[in-house]
Amino acid sequence: MSHSTVPRSRTEADTTGKTPVASDDTSGATGPRRNPYQAKVSWRLRFRRDRVLLLMTLPAVLIILVFNYLPILGNIVAFEDYDPYISDNGIVSMLHSPWVGLENFQQIFADSAFWSAVQNTLVLFFLQLILFFPIPILLALLINSVVRPRVRALSQAILYLPHFFSWVLVIAVFQQLLGGAGLFSQLLRQHGFDGLDVMTDPNTFKFLITAQSVWKDAGWGIIVFLAALSSVSPDLYEAAAMDGAGRWRRMWHVTLPALRPVIALLLVLRVGDALTVGFEQILLQRDAVGPGAAEVLDTFVWWNGVRNQDFGYAAAAGLVKGVISLGLVLAANKVAHLMGEQGVYKK
């Protein structure tokens, strides 16, 4: 006597002869399928669900609005002949100052001092991008290769310590070393050579600024790259070593790809901050070398706005700088997307 040959693995549609109900997925066989269990949640339900998180972020949002976005309204000063002495209230003075339109911007673009400040700013940016930006990466790779944890922690602490020094102290240290009466000048004179005074030399001022930035802030950048390196699985290094990869090939094929997203993000941020090359650092040394070598956009805005009391003119220069910086961020982030990286924000 024969038994039924229907296998147990058949579906209900096979055994009943019914046609399976078509799903609501209209994206096609090759398109992405929707999750049938994922329903659209209304904003009221999302608000009730996340109200605790929203309350936790509310103080930070208020701080950003008060200190970052409300001051943007003050850019109206760039279109006025602003006079802060009209009233004790700054808002009243801003509303009653004479309107000049684009006159401040026309004066800026015709001012040779402004273009000299732009040139000095861009030269400093490219020098710091070439000489300063790769140094934290190289130091992070060097520290990460140290086997002993105590030596690694001590090295990182020593490199990170100058970040806590003020710019006044940093410049004083360089003055004691490279000034006209500094240590190196005295050693050269003792051996029959002429002394050197790097601190007052306009030709080497840009390299001096870059060296000061490297000494002070290189340790700060190491932390970011070491954090990225800590997320790399040791199994990748072991697998590469088993395949015959040496130290340099492991660094090239394992370590650097792990750092690539972080490098792209910091590079985008650095390009966006290209026109800000250190206000306090340069202002403290501006008189020693003269404005021709030390004037940058930040000191140009400060000198015209605070010292010369030409607030509308300085605000217009600051607004031009902000617009250019925004364009640089968007352009650099677009380049990061073309390279396959996320950048500051996703597409």
Foldseek 3Di string as FASTA:
>chain_A
DDDDPDDPPDDPCVVVVHDDDDDPDPQDPPDDDDDPVDDDDDPVVVCVVCVVVVVVCVVVVVVCCVPPPVCVVVLQLLQFQQDCPPDVDNVVSSVPTHGRGCPLVVVLVVDPLNVLQAVLLLVLLVCCVVPPLCLLVVVLVVLVPDDDPVVSVVVLCVQQVLLPDDLVVLVVVCCQDQACPHDQQVVQVVVPHHGGGLLQALVCVSVVLSVSCNSRCSSVSNVVLNVLQVPFDVVLVVVCVVVPDDPVRCCVPGSVVSCVQVSLQVVLVSQLCSQPSDDVNLVVSCVSHHCSRRRHLNVVLCCCCPVVVSNNSSSNSVVVSNVVSVVSSVVSCVVCVVVVHCHPHHD
